[in-house]
Amino acid sequence: MKILLLEDDIMLNKAISEYLSSVGHSVTAVKDGEECFNILKTEKFDLFVFDINVPKIDGITLLENIHNEKRMVPTIFISALIDIEDISRAFDIGCHDYLKKPFHLKELAIRIDKI
């Protein structure tokens, strides 16, 4: 599966990228929402894994912008936000899953496989 990962924490970004690559996925990893949006102008992905609190364009606004362009791609949010309103908003705009940090990398892989 071709995955676009948006995570601004450098160590977590690297850990997720390496793990998902090791289980057979192709991962493009970025650290801010603007970079992520620009990549989407030229590349297509099977799945998005987006953090919410990232620089420039947050993950929720980014997914809203993508959907406004009529592009629908399954999305998993990974976030330290645990408030039910944040989680509800993420699902309202169309995410398929929401994983609270910290999480086990294998759990992320399981959720990706379910999508």
PDB file of N, CA and C in Angstrom:
ATOM      1  N   MET A   1       0.842  -1.171   0.000  1.00  0.00           N
ATOM      2  CA  MET A   1       0.000   0.000   0.000  1.00  0.00           C
ATOM      3  C   MET A   1       0.892   1.240   0.000  1.00  0.00           C
ATOM      4  N   LYS A   2       0.518   2.230  -0.758  1.00  0.00           N
ATOM      5  CA  LYS A   2       1.266   3.484  -0.826  1.00  0.00           C
ATOM      6  C   LYS A   2       0.663   4.459   0.187  1.00  0.00           C
ATOM      7  N   ILE A   3       1.476   4.814   1.198  1.00  0.00           N
ATOM      8  CA  ILE A   3       0.998   5.597   2.340  1.00  0.00           C
ATOM      9  C   ILE A   3       1.700   6.950   2.398  1.00  0.00           C
ATOM     10  N   LEU A   4       0.913   7.993   2.653  1.00  0.00           N
ATOM     11  CA  LEU A   4       1.461   9.317   2.925  1.00  0.00           C
ATOM     12  C   LEU A   4       1.359   9.554   4.430  1.00  0.00           C
ATOM     13  N   LEU A   5       2.505   9.719   5.076  1.00  0.00           N
ATOM     14  CA  LEU A   5       2.587   9.926   6.523  1.00  0.00           C
ATOM     15  C   LEU A   5       2.886  11.386   6.811  1.00  0.00           C
ATOM     16  N   LEU A   6       2.055  12.001   7.640  1.00  0.00           N
ATOM     17  CA  LEU A   6       2.275  13.367   8.111  1.00  0.00           C
ATOM     18  C   LEU A   6       2.480  13.310   9.619  1.00  0.00           C
ATOM     19  N   GLU A   7       3.721  13.513  10.041  1.00  0.00           N
ATOM     20  CA  GLU A   7       4.077  13.488  11.470  1.00  0.00           C
ATOM     21  C   GLU A   7       5.257  14.420  11.670  1.00  0.00           C
ATOM     22  N   ASP A   8       5.099  15.417  12.558  1.00  0.00           N
ATOM     23  CA  ASP A   8       6.157  16.404  12.735  1.00  0.00           C
ATOM     24  C   ASP A   8       7.236  15.996  13.736  1.00  0.00           C
ATOM     25  N   ASP A   9       6.966  15.013  14.581  1.00  0.00           N
ATOM     26  CA  ASP A   9       7.988  14.524  15.499  1.00  0.00           C
ATOM     27  C   ASP A   9       8.970  13.658  14.697  1.00  0.00           C
ATOM     28  N   ILE A  10      10.197  14.124  14.591  1.00  0.00           N
ATOM     29  CA  ILE A  10      11.185  13.486  13.715  1.00  0.00           C
ATOM     30  C   ILE A  10      11.420  12.017  14.068  1.00  0.00           C
ATOM     31  N   MET A  11      11.555  11.716  15.357  1.00  0.00           N
ATOM     32  CA  MET A  11      11.829  10.333  15.754  1.00  0.00           C
ATOM     33  C   MET A  11      10.625   9.430  15.493  1.00  0.00           C
ATOM     34  N   LEU A  12       9.422   9.915  15.787  1.00  0.00           N
ATOM     35  CA  LEU A  12       8.228   9.115  15.541  1.00  0.00           C
ATOM     36  C   LEU A  12       7.999   8.940  14.042  1.00  0.00           C
ATOM     37  N   ASN A  13       8.235   9.997  13.281  1.00  0.00           N
ATOM     38  CA  ASN A  13       8.104   9.933  11.828  1.00  0.00           C
ATOM     39  C   ASN A  13       9.008   8.831  11.277  1.00  0.00           C
ATOM     40  N   LYS A  14      10.245   8.824  11.728  1.00  0.00           N
ATOM     41  CA  LYS A  14      11.206   7.824  11.253  1.00  0.00           C
ATOM     42  C   LYS A  14      10.803   6.416  11.694  1.00  0.00           C
ATOM     43  N   ALA A  15      10.382   6.274  12.953  1.00  0.00           N
ATOM     44  CA  ALA A  15       9.996   4.959  13.469  1.00  0.00           C
ATOM     45  C   ALA A  15       8.797   4.392  12.705  1.00  0.00           C
ATOM     46  N   ILE A  16       7.791   5.225  12.470  1.00  0.00           N
ATOM     47  CA  ILE A  16       6.609   4.770  11.730  1.00  0.00           C
ATOM     48  C   ILE A  16       6.992   4.404  10.304  1.00  0.00           C
ATOM     49  N   SER A  17       7.757   5.258   9.653  1.00  0.00           N
ATOM     50  CA  SER A  17       8.175   5.016   8.266  1.00  0.00           C
ATOM     51  C   SER A  17       8.938   3.708   8.137  1.00  0.00           C
ATOM     52  N   GLU A  18       9.897   3.508   9.026  1.00  0.00           N
ATOM     53  CA  GLU A  18      10.715   2.296   8.964  1.00  0.00           C
ATOM     54  C   GLU A  18       9.874   1.051   9.244  1.00  0.00           C
ATOM     55  N   TYR A  19       8.997   1.136  10.228  1.00  0.00           N
ATOM     56  CA  TYR A  19       8.184  -0.034  10.562  1.00  0.00           C
ATOM     57  C   TYR A  19       7.237  -0.382   9.413  1.00  0.00           C
ATOM     58  N   LEU A  20       6.517   0.607   8.905  1.00  0.00           N
ATOM     59  CA  LEU A  20       5.567   0.326   7.822  1.00  0.00           C
ATOM     60  C   LEU A  20       6.279  -0.166   6.565  1.00  0.00           C
ATOM     61  N   SER A  21       7.458   0.356   6.299  1.00  0.00           N
ATOM     62  CA  SER A  21       8.249  -0.135   5.163  1.00  0.00           C
ATOM     63  C   SER A  21       8.666  -1.587   5.387  1.00  0.00           C
ATOM     64  N   SER A  22       9.009  -1.921   6.630  1.00  0.00           N
ATOM     65  CA  SER A  22       9.455  -3.283   6.933  1.00  0.00           C
ATOM     66  C   SER A  22       8.339  -4.320   6.797  1.00  0.00           C
ATOM     67  N   VAL A  23       7.087  -3.875   6.876  1.00  0.00           N
ATOM     68  CA  VAL A  23       5.967  -4.812   6.718  1.00  0.00           C
ATOM     69  C   VAL A  23       5.349  -4.723   5.320  1.00  0.00           C
ATOM     70  N   GLY A  24       6.078  -4.059   4.399  1.00  0.00           N
ATOM     71  CA  GLY A  24       5.694  -4.122   2.997  1.00  0.00           C
ATOM     72  C   GLY A  24       4.996  -2.922   2.392  1.00  0.00           C
ATOM     73  N   HIS A  25       4.883  -1.829   3.131  1.00  0.00           N
ATOM     74  CA  HIS A  25       4.232  -0.638   2.588  1.00  0.00           C
ATOM     75  C   HIS A  25       5.264   0.318   2.002  1.00  0.00           C
ATOM     76  N   SER A  26       4.823   1.122   1.056  1.00  0.00           N
ATOM     77  CA  SER A  26       5.644   2.198   0.512  1.00  0.00           C
ATOM     78  C   SER A  26       5.220   3.480   1.220  1.00  0.00           C
ATOM     79  N   VAL A  27       6.167   4.129   1.904  1.00  0.00           N
ATOM     80  CA  VAL A  27       5.823   5.280   2.741  1.00  0.00           C
ATOM     81  C   VAL A  27       6.544   6.534   2.258  1.00  0.00           C
ATOM     82  N   THR A  28       5.770   7.593   2.066  1.00  0.00           N
ATOM     83  CA  THR A  28       6.320   8.926   1.845  1.00  0.00           C
ATOM     84  C   THR A  28       6.034   9.699   3.118  1.00  0.00           C
ATOM     85  N   ALA A  29       7.082  10.182   3.779  1.00  0.00           N
ATOM     86  CA  ALA A  29       6.934  10.839   5.073  1.00  0.00           C
ATOM     87  C   ALA A  29       7.238  12.324   4.966  1.00  0.00           C
ATOM     88  N   VAL A  30       6.347  13.135   5.538  1.00  0.00           N
ATOM     89  CA  VAL A  30       6.522  14.590   5.575  1.00  0.00           C
ATOM     90  C   VAL A  30       6.303  15.083   6.997  1.00  0.00           C
ATOM     91  N   LYS A  31       6.750  16.318   7.253  1.00  0.00           N
ATOM     92  CA  LYS A  31       6.714  16.842   8.615  1.00  0.00           C
ATOM     93  C   LYS A  31       5.796  18.037   8.812  1.00  0.00           C
ATOM     94  N   ASP A  32       5.234  18.594   7.731  1.00  0.00           N
ATOM     95  CA  ASP A  32       4.278  19.688   7.912  1.00  0.00           C
ATOM     96  C   ASP A  32       3.164  19.596   6.870  1.00  0.00           C
ATOM     97  N   GLY A  33       2.030  20.201   7.200  1.00  0.00           N
ATOM     98  CA  GLY A  33       0.847  20.091   6.357  1.00  0.00           C
ATOM     99  C   GLY A  33       0.994  20.713   4.983  1.00  0.00           C
ATOM    100  N   GLU A  34       1.745  21.783   4.887  1.00  0.00           N
ATOM    101  CA  GLU A  34       1.937  22.431   3.586  1.00  0.00           C
ATOM    102  C   GLU A  34       2.724  21.529   2.644  1.00  0.00           C
ATOM    103  N   GLU A  35       3.790  20.933   3.137  1.00  0.00           N
ATOM    104  CA  GLU A  35       4.587  19.989   2.344  1.00  0.00           C
ATOM    105  C   GLU A  35       3.707  18.815   1.902  1.00  0.00           C
ATOM    106  N   CYS A  36       2.884  18.349   2.809  1.00  0.00           N
ATOM    107  CA  CYS A  36       1.977  17.241   2.525  1.00  0.00           C
ATOM    108  C   CYS A  36       1.012  17.613   1.390  1.00  0.00           C
ATOM    109  N   PHE A  37       0.398  18.771   1.497  1.00  0.00           N
ATOM    110  CA  PHE A  37      -0.564  19.220   0.485  1.00  0.00           C
ATOM    111  C   PHE A  37       0.115  19.375  -0.877  1.00  0.00           C
ATOM    112  N   ASN A  38       1.345  19.885  -0.885  1.00  0.00           N
ATOM    113  CA  ASN A  38       2.071  20.064  -2.148  1.00  0.00           C
ATOM    114  C   ASN A  38       2.389  18.723  -2.812  1.00  0.00           C
ATOM    115  N   ILE A  39       2.737  17.709  -2.031  1.00  0.00           N
ATOM    116  CA  ILE A  39       3.009  16.385  -2.589  1.00  0.00           C
ATOM    117  C   ILE A  39       1.756  15.823  -3.256  1.00  0.00           C
ATOM    118  N   LEU A  40       0.607  16.127  -2.670  1.00  0.00           N
ATOM    119  CA  LEU A  40      -0.650  15.604  -3.209  1.00  0.00           C
ATOM    120  C   LEU A  40      -1.010  16.184  -4.574  1.00  0.00           C
ATOM    121  N   LYS A  41      -0.346  17.250  -4.963  1.00  0.00           N
ATOM    122  CA  LYS A  41      -0.584  17.843  -6.289  1.00  0.00           C
ATOM    123  C   LYS A  41      -0.008  16.976  -7.398  1.00  0.00           C
ATOM    124  N   THR A  42       0.982  16.149  -7.061  1.00  0.00           N
ATOM    125  CA  THR A  42       1.650  15.355  -8.092  1.00  0.00           C
ATOM    126  C   THR A  42       1.610  13.849  -7.863  1.00  0.00           C
ATOM    127  N   GLU A  43       1.255  13.414  -6.644  1.00  0.00           N
ATOM    128  CA  GLU A  43       1.272  11.983  -6.342  1.00  0.00           C
ATOM    129  C   GLU A  43      -0.067  11.524  -5.792  1.00  0.00           C
ATOM    130  N   LYS A  44      -0.358  10.242  -5.988  1.00  0.00           N
ATOM    131  CA  LYS A  44      -1.573   9.629  -5.451  1.00  0.00           C
ATOM    132  C   LYS A  44      -1.173   8.578  -4.418  1.00  0.00           C
ATOM    133  N   PHE A  45      -2.019   8.424  -3.406  1.00  0.00           N
ATOM    134  CA  PHE A  45      -1.748   7.492  -2.321  1.00  0.00           C
ATOM    135  C   PHE A  45      -2.974   6.640  -2.042  1.00  0.00           C
ATOM    136  N   ASP A  46      -2.731   5.456  -1.459  1.00  0.00           N
ATOM    137  CA  ASP A  46      -3.813   4.549  -1.084  1.00  0.00           C
ATOM    138  C   ASP A  46      -4.347   4.858   0.314  1.00  0.00           C
ATOM    139  N   LEU A  47      -3.518   5.501   1.135  1.00  0.00           N
ATOM    140  CA  LEU A  47      -3.887   5.748   2.528  1.00  0.00           C
ATOM    141  C   LEU A  47      -3.111   6.945   3.062  1.00  0.00           C
ATOM    142  N   PHE A  48      -3.780   7.733   3.909  1.00  0.00           N
ATOM    143  CA  PHE A  48      -3.120   8.807   4.643  1.00  0.00           C
ATOM    144  C   PHE A  48      -3.046   8.421   6.112  1.00  0.00           C
ATOM    145  N   VAL A  49      -1.895   8.693   6.733  1.00  0.00           N
ATOM    146  CA  VAL A  49      -1.747   8.609   8.179  1.00  0.00           C
ATOM    147  C   VAL A  49      -1.290   9.994   8.611  1.00  0.00           C
ATOM    148  N   PHE A  50      -2.209  10.747   9.228  1.00  0.00           N
ATOM    149  CA  PHE A  50      -1.959  12.149   9.553  1.00  0.00           C
ATOM    150  C   PHE A  50      -1.982  12.396  11.056  1.00  0.00           C
ATOM    151  N   ASP A  51      -0.965  13.087  11.546  1.00  0.00           N
ATOM    152  CA  ASP A  51      -1.025  13.682  12.869  1.00  0.00           C
ATOM    153  C   ASP A  51      -1.903  14.925  12.740  1.00  0.00           C
ATOM    154  N   ILE A  52      -2.488  15.368  13.823  1.00  0.00           N
ATOM    155  CA  ILE A  52      -3.349  16.555  13.760  1.00  0.00           C
ATOM    156  C   ILE A  52      -2.559  17.822  14.023  1.00  0.00           C
ATOM    157  N   ASN A  53      -1.806  17.865  15.113  1.00  0.00           N
ATOM    158  CA  ASN A  53      -1.064  19.076  15.477  1.00  0.00           C
ATOM    159  C   ASN A  53       0.295  19.091  14.796  1.00  0.00           C
ATOM    160  N   VAL A  54       0.310  19.631  13.588  1.00  0.00           N
ATOM    161  CA  VAL A  54       1.545  19.756  12.815  1.00  0.00           C
ATOM    162  C   VAL A  54       1.670  21.192  12.319  1.00  0.00           C
ATOM    163  N   PRO A  55       2.889  21.627  11.957  1.00  0.00           N
ATOM    164  CA  PRO A  55       3.082  23.004  11.480  1.00  0.00           C
ATOM    165  C   PRO A  55       2.384  23.284  10.148  1.00  0.00           C
ATOM    166  N   LYS A  56       2.109  24.536   9.946  1.00  0.00           N
ATOM    167  CA  LYS A  56       1.614  25.151   8.711  1.00  0.00           C
ATOM    168  C   LYS A  56       0.153  24.838   8.416  1.00  0.00           C
ATOM    169  N   ILE A  57      -0.215  23.607   8.144  1.00  0.00           N
ATOM    170  CA  ILE A  57      -1.622  23.224   7.961  1.00  0.00           C
ATOM    171  C   ILE A  57      -1.855  22.008   8.850  1.00  0.00           C
ATOM    172  N   ASP A  58      -2.782  22.121   9.823  1.00  0.00           N
ATOM    173  CA  ASP A  58      -3.015  20.979  10.714  1.00  0.00           C
ATOM    174  C   ASP A  58      -3.690  19.848   9.941  1.00  0.00           C
ATOM    175  N   GLY A  59      -3.621  18.647  10.503  1.00  0.00           N
ATOM    176  CA  GLY A  59      -4.123  17.460   9.818  1.00  0.00           C
ATOM    177  C   GLY A  59      -5.598  17.499   9.493  1.00  0.00           C
ATOM    178  N   ILE A  60      -6.411  18.054  10.388  1.00  0.00           N
ATOM    179  CA  ILE A  60      -7.854  18.117  10.127  1.00  0.00           C
ATOM    180  C   ILE A  60      -8.151  19.081   8.990  1.00  0.00           C
ATOM    181  N   THR A  61      -7.565  20.259   9.018  1.00  0.00           N
ATOM    182  CA  THR A  61      -7.763  21.231   7.933  1.00  0.00           C
ATOM    183  C   THR A  61      -7.260  20.657   6.618  1.00  0.00           C
ATOM    184  N   LEU A  62      -6.151  19.959   6.666  1.00  0.00           N
ATOM    185  CA  LEU A  62      -5.597  19.333   5.466  1.00  0.00           C
ATOM    186  C   LEU A  62      -6.592  18.338   4.868  1.00  0.00           C
ATOM    187  N   LEU A  63      -7.162  17.477   5.697  1.00  0.00           N
ATOM    188  CA  LEU A  63      -8.129  16.502   5.179  1.00  0.00           C
ATOM    189  C   LEU A  63      -9.380  17.208   4.640  1.00  0.00           C
ATOM    190  N   GLU A  64      -9.816  18.271   5.292  1.00  0.00           N
ATOM    191  CA  GLU A  64     -10.952  19.049   4.784  1.00  0.00           C
ATOM    192  C   GLU A  64     -10.635  19.608   3.400  1.00  0.00           C
ATOM    193  N   ASN A  65      -9.434  20.153   3.230  1.00  0.00           N
ATOM    194  CA  ASN A  65      -9.023  20.696   1.930  1.00  0.00           C
ATOM    195  C   ASN A  65      -8.979  19.609   0.856  1.00  0.00           C
ATOM    196  N   ILE A  66      -8.481  18.446   1.217  1.00  0.00           N
ATOM    197  CA  ILE A  66      -8.408  17.328   0.271  1.00  0.00           C
ATOM    198  C   ILE A  66      -9.818  16.911  -0.151  1.00  0.00           C
ATOM    199  N   HIS A  67     -10.714  16.800   0.812  1.00  0.00           N
ATOM    200  CA  HIS A  67     -12.096  16.419   0.505  1.00  0.00           C
ATOM    201  C   HIS A  67     -12.806  17.486  -0.317  1.00  0.00           C
ATOM    202  N   ASN A  68     -12.480  18.762  -0.090  1.00  0.00           N
ATOM    203  CA  ASN A  68     -13.072  19.841  -0.883  1.00  0.00           C
ATOM    204  C   ASN A  68     -12.688  19.734  -2.353  1.00  0.00           C
ATOM    205  N   GLU A  69     -11.555  19.097  -2.612  1.00  0.00           N
ATOM    206  CA  GLU A  69     -11.114  18.868  -3.991  1.00  0.00           C
ATOM    207  C   GLU A  69     -11.670  17.560  -4.542  1.00  0.00           C
ATOM    208  N   LYS A  70     -12.602  16.962  -3.819  1.00  0.00           N
ATOM    209  CA  LYS A  70     -13.288  15.722  -4.228  1.00  0.00           C
ATOM    210  C   LYS A  70     -12.338  14.533  -4.326  1.00  0.00           C
ATOM    211  N   ARG A  71     -11.297  14.542  -3.502  1.00  0.00           N
ATOM    212  CA  ARG A  71     -10.393  13.391  -3.420  1.00  0.00           C
ATOM    213  C   ARG A  71     -10.673  12.675  -2.111  1.00  0.00           C
ATOM    214  N   MET A  72     -11.060  11.433  -2.206  1.00  0.00           N
ATOM    215  CA  MET A  72     -11.375  10.657  -1.020  1.00  0.00           C
ATOM    216  C   MET A  72     -10.366   9.517  -0.879  1.00  0.00           C
ATOM    217  N   VAL A  73      -9.587   9.575   0.168  1.00  0.00           N
ATOM    218  CA  VAL A  73      -8.569   8.567   0.457  1.00  0.00           C
ATOM    219  C   VAL A  73      -8.760   8.146   1.910  1.00  0.00           C
ATOM    220  N   PRO A  74      -8.761   6.850   2.195  1.00  0.00           N
ATOM    221  CA  PRO A  74      -8.886   6.426   3.592  1.00  0.00           C
ATOM    222  C   PRO A  74      -7.804   7.093   4.447  1.00  0.00           C
ATOM    223  N   THR A  75      -8.215   7.547   5.635  1.00  0.00           N
ATOM    224  CA  THR A  75      -7.313   8.309   6.497  1.00  0.00           C
ATOM    225  C   THR A  75      -7.371   7.808   7.929  1.00  0.00           C
ATOM    226  N   ILE A  76      -6.191   7.635   8.516  1.00  0.00           N
ATOM    227  CA  ILE A  76      -6.070   7.334   9.942  1.00  0.00           C
ATOM    228  C   ILE A  76      -5.397   8.540  10.586  1.00  0.00           C
ATOM    229  N   PHE A  77      -6.042   9.098  11.593  1.00  0.00           N
ATOM    230  CA  PHE A  77      -5.403  10.150  12.373  1.00  0.00           C
ATOM    231  C   PHE A  77      -4.657   9.518  13.531  1.00  0.00           C
ATOM    232  N   ILE A  78      -3.448  10.029  13.769  1.00  0.00           N
ATOM    233  CA  ILE A  78      -2.683   9.656  14.958  1.00  0.00           C
ATOM    234  C   ILE A  78      -2.476  10.956  15.724  1.00  0.00           C
ATOM    235  N   SER A  79      -2.858  10.967  16.990  1.00  0.00           N
ATOM    236  CA  SER A  79      -2.782  12.229  17.707  1.00  0.00           C
ATOM    237  C   SER A  79      -2.726  12.037  19.210  1.00  0.00           C
ATOM    238  N   ALA A  80      -2.116  13.007  19.868  1.00  0.00           N
ATOM    239  CA  ALA A  80      -2.118  13.047  21.322  1.00  0.00           C
ATOM    240  C   ALA A  80      -3.407  13.672  21.836  1.00  0.00           C
ATOM    241  N   LEU A  81      -4.204  14.251  20.938  1.00  0.00           N
ATOM    242  CA  LEU A  81      -5.477  14.846  21.348  1.00  0.00           C
ATOM    243  C   LEU A  81      -6.430  13.736  21.773  1.00  0.00           C
ATOM    244  N   ILE A  82      -6.946  13.838  22.987  1.00  0.00           N
ATOM    245  CA  ILE A  82      -7.834  12.792  23.490  1.00  0.00           C
ATOM    246  C   ILE A  82      -9.223  13.327  23.823  1.00  0.00           C
ATOM    247  N   ASP A  83      -9.462  14.616  23.623  1.00  0.00           N
ATOM    248  CA  ASP A  83     -10.763  15.202  23.884  1.00  0.00           C
ATOM    249  C   ASP A  83     -11.783  14.632  22.896  1.00  0.00           C
ATOM    250  N   ILE A  84     -12.928  14.248  23.394  1.00  0.00           N
ATOM    251  CA  ILE A  84     -13.939  13.626  22.538  1.00  0.00           C
ATOM    252  C   ILE A  84     -14.382  14.560  21.413  1.00  0.00           C
ATOM    253  N   GLU A  85     -14.335  15.861  21.628  1.00  0.00           N
ATOM    254  CA  GLU A  85     -14.712  16.808  20.572  1.00  0.00           C
ATOM    255  C   GLU A  85     -13.725  16.752  19.406  1.00  0.00           C
ATOM    256  N   ASP A  86     -12.433  16.625  19.708  1.00  0.00           N
ATOM    257  CA  ASP A  86     -11.421  16.498  18.650  1.00  0.00           C
ATOM    258  C   ASP A  86     -11.614  15.199  17.878  1.00  0.00           C
ATOM    259  N   ILE A  87     -11.863  14.124  18.610  1.00  0.00           N
ATOM    260  CA  ILE A  87     -12.061  12.822  17.974  1.00  0.00           C
ATOM    261  C   ILE A  87     -13.319  12.851  17.117  1.00  0.00           C
ATOM    262  N   SER A  88     -14.376  13.430  17.644  1.00  0.00           N
ATOM    263  CA  SER A  88     -15.640  13.537  16.907  1.00  0.00           C
ATOM    264  C   SER A  88     -15.466  14.353  15.631  1.00  0.00           C
ATOM    265  N   ARG A  89     -14.756  15.466  15.729  1.00  0.00           N
ATOM    266  CA  ARG A  89     -14.522  16.313  14.542  1.00  0.00           C
ATOM    267  C   ARG A  89     -13.755  15.541  13.473  1.00  0.00           C
ATOM    268  N   ALA A  90     -12.755  14.772  13.888  1.00  0.00           N
ATOM    269  CA  ALA A  90     -11.965  13.990  12.931  1.00  0.00           C
ATOM    270  C   ALA A  90     -12.855  13.016  12.160  1.00  0.00           C
ATOM    271  N   PHE A  91     -13.749  12.330  12.862  1.00  0.00           N
ATOM    272  CA  PHE A  91     -14.657  11.393  12.191  1.00  0.00           C
ATOM    273  C   PHE A  91     -15.698  12.134  11.351  1.00  0.00           C
ATOM    274  N   ASP A  92     -16.149  13.294  11.832  1.00  0.00           N
ATOM    275  CA  ASP A  92     -17.131  14.077  11.073  1.00  0.00           C
ATOM    276  C   ASP A  92     -16.602  14.508   9.709  1.00  0.00           C
ATOM    277  N   ILE A  93     -15.305  14.797   9.632  1.00  0.00           N
ATOM    278  CA  ILE A  93     -14.760  15.230   8.340  1.00  0.00           C
ATOM    279  C   ILE A  93     -14.324  14.060   7.465  1.00  0.00           C
ATOM    280  N   GLY A  94     -14.431  12.833   7.993  1.00  0.00           N
ATOM    281  CA  GLY A  94     -14.222  11.689   7.116  1.00  0.00           C
ATOM    282  C   GLY A  94     -13.048  10.781   7.381  1.00  0.00           C
ATOM    283  N   CYS A  95     -12.440  10.843   8.560  1.00  0.00           N
ATOM    284  CA  CYS A  95     -11.364   9.879   8.810  1.00  0.00           C
ATOM    285  C   CYS A  95     -11.967   8.496   9.012  1.00  0.00           C
ATOM    286  N   HIS A  96     -11.174   7.484   8.761  1.00  0.00           N
ATOM    287  CA  HIS A  96     -11.626   6.104   8.904  1.00  0.00           C
ATOM    288  C   HIS A  96     -11.262   5.510  10.255  1.00  0.00           C
ATOM    289  N   ASP A  97     -10.219   6.079  10.887  1.00  0.00           N
ATOM    290  CA  ASP A  97      -9.793   5.577  12.179  1.00  0.00           C
ATOM    291  C   ASP A  97      -9.020   6.679  12.895  1.00  0.00           C
ATOM    292  N   TYR A  98      -8.890   6.527  14.205  1.00  0.00           N
ATOM    293  CA  TYR A  98      -8.219   7.518  15.043  1.00  0.00           C
ATOM    294  C   TYR A  98      -7.439   6.753  16.101  1.00  0.00           C
ATOM    295  N   LEU A  99      -6.151   6.959  16.120  1.00  0.00           N
ATOM    296  CA  LEU A  99      -5.283   6.239  17.047  1.00  0.00           C
ATOM    297  C   LEU A  99      -4.643   7.248  17.990  1.00  0.00           C
ATOM    298  N   LYS A 100      -4.865   7.054  19.298  1.00  0.00           N
ATOM    299  CA  LYS A 100      -4.325   7.975  20.296  1.00  0.00           C
ATOM    300  C   LYS A 100      -2.877   7.630  20.607  1.00  0.00           C
ATOM    301  N   LYS A 101      -2.043   8.672  20.667  1.00  0.00           N
ATOM    302  CA  LYS A 101      -0.645   8.501  21.065  1.00  0.00           C
ATOM    303  C   LYS A 101      -0.578   8.378  22.578  1.00  0.00           C
ATOM    304  N   PRO A 102       0.337   7.600  23.111  1.00  0.00           N
ATOM    305  CA  PRO A 102       1.258   6.716  22.393  1.00  0.00           C
ATOM    306  C   PRO A 102       0.541   5.439  21.959  1.00  0.00           C
ATOM    307  N   PHE A 103       1.052   4.831  20.909  1.00  0.00           N
ATOM    308  CA  PHE A 103       0.466   3.594  20.396  1.00  0.00           C
ATOM    309  C   PHE A 103       1.594   2.658  19.983  1.00  0.00           C
ATOM    310  N   HIS A 104       1.267   1.396  19.861  1.00  0.00           N
ATOM    311  CA  HIS A 104       2.232   0.396  19.413  1.00  0.00           C
ATOM    312  C   HIS A 104       2.210   0.389  17.886  1.00  0.00           C
ATOM    313  N   LEU A 105       3.367   0.340  17.272  1.00  0.00           N
ATOM    314  CA  LEU A 105       3.443   0.361  15.806  1.00  0.00           C
ATOM    315  C   LEU A 105       2.680  -0.799  15.179  1.00  0.00           C
ATOM    316  N   LYS A 106       2.696  -1.942  15.834  1.00  0.00           N
ATOM    317  CA  LYS A 106       1.963  -3.084  15.297  1.00  0.00           C
ATOM    318  C   LYS A 106       0.453  -2.805  15.281  1.00  0.00           C
ATOM    319  N   GLU A 107      -0.036  -2.048  16.271  1.00  0.00           N
ATOM    320  CA  GLU A 107      -1.459  -1.684  16.269  1.00  0.00           C
ATOM    321  C   GLU A 107      -1.789  -0.825  15.052  1.00  0.00           C
ATOM    322  N   LEU A 108      -0.905   0.102  14.703  1.00  0.00           N
ATOM    323  CA  LEU A 108      -1.120   0.907  13.506  1.00  0.00           C
ATOM    324  C   LEU A 108      -1.162   0.007  12.283  1.00  0.00           C
ATOM    325  N   ALA A 109      -0.259  -0.937  12.190  1.00  0.00           N
ATOM    326  CA  ALA A 109      -0.235  -1.865  11.045  1.00  0.00           C
ATOM    327  C   ALA A 109      -1.516  -2.685  10.969  1.00  0.00           C
ATOM    328  N   ILE A 110      -2.018  -3.115  12.110  1.00  0.00           N
ATOM    329  CA  ILE A 110      -3.283  -3.872  12.141  1.00  0.00           C
ATOM    330  C   ILE A 110      -4.423  -3.014  11.614  1.00  0.00           C
ATOM    331  N   ARG A 111      -4.484  -1.777  12.044  1.00  0.00           N
ATOM    332  CA  ARG A 111      -5.555  -0.879  11.596  1.00  0.00           C
ATOM    333  C   ARG A 111      -5.429  -0.584  10.098  1.00  0.00           C
ATOM    334  N   ILE A 112      -4.199  -0.446   9.612  1.00  0.00           N
ATOM    335  CA  ILE A 112      -3.999  -0.250   8.171  1.00  0.00           C
ATOM    336  C   ILE A 112      -4.483  -1.462   7.407  1.00  0.00           C
ATOM    337  N   ASP A 113      -4.160  -2.651   7.881  1.00  0.00           N
ATOM    338  CA  ASP A 113      -4.593  -3.874   7.212  1.00  0.00           C
ATOM    339  C   ASP A 113      -6.109  -3.991   7.157  1.00  0.00           C
ATOM    340  N   LYS A 114      -6.796  -3.486   8.182  1.00  0.00           N
ATOM    341  CA  LYS A 114      -8.264  -3.535   8.211  1.00  0.00           C
ATOM    342  C   LYS A 114      -8.874  -2.601   7.161  1.00  0.00           C
ATOM    343  N   ILE A 115      -8.176  -1.532   6.848  1.00  0.00           N
ATOM    344  CA  ILE A 115      -8.664  -0.593   5.821  1.00  0.00           C
ATOM    345  C   ILE A 115      -8.408  -1.173   4.452  1.00  0.00           C
TER     346      ILE A 115
END
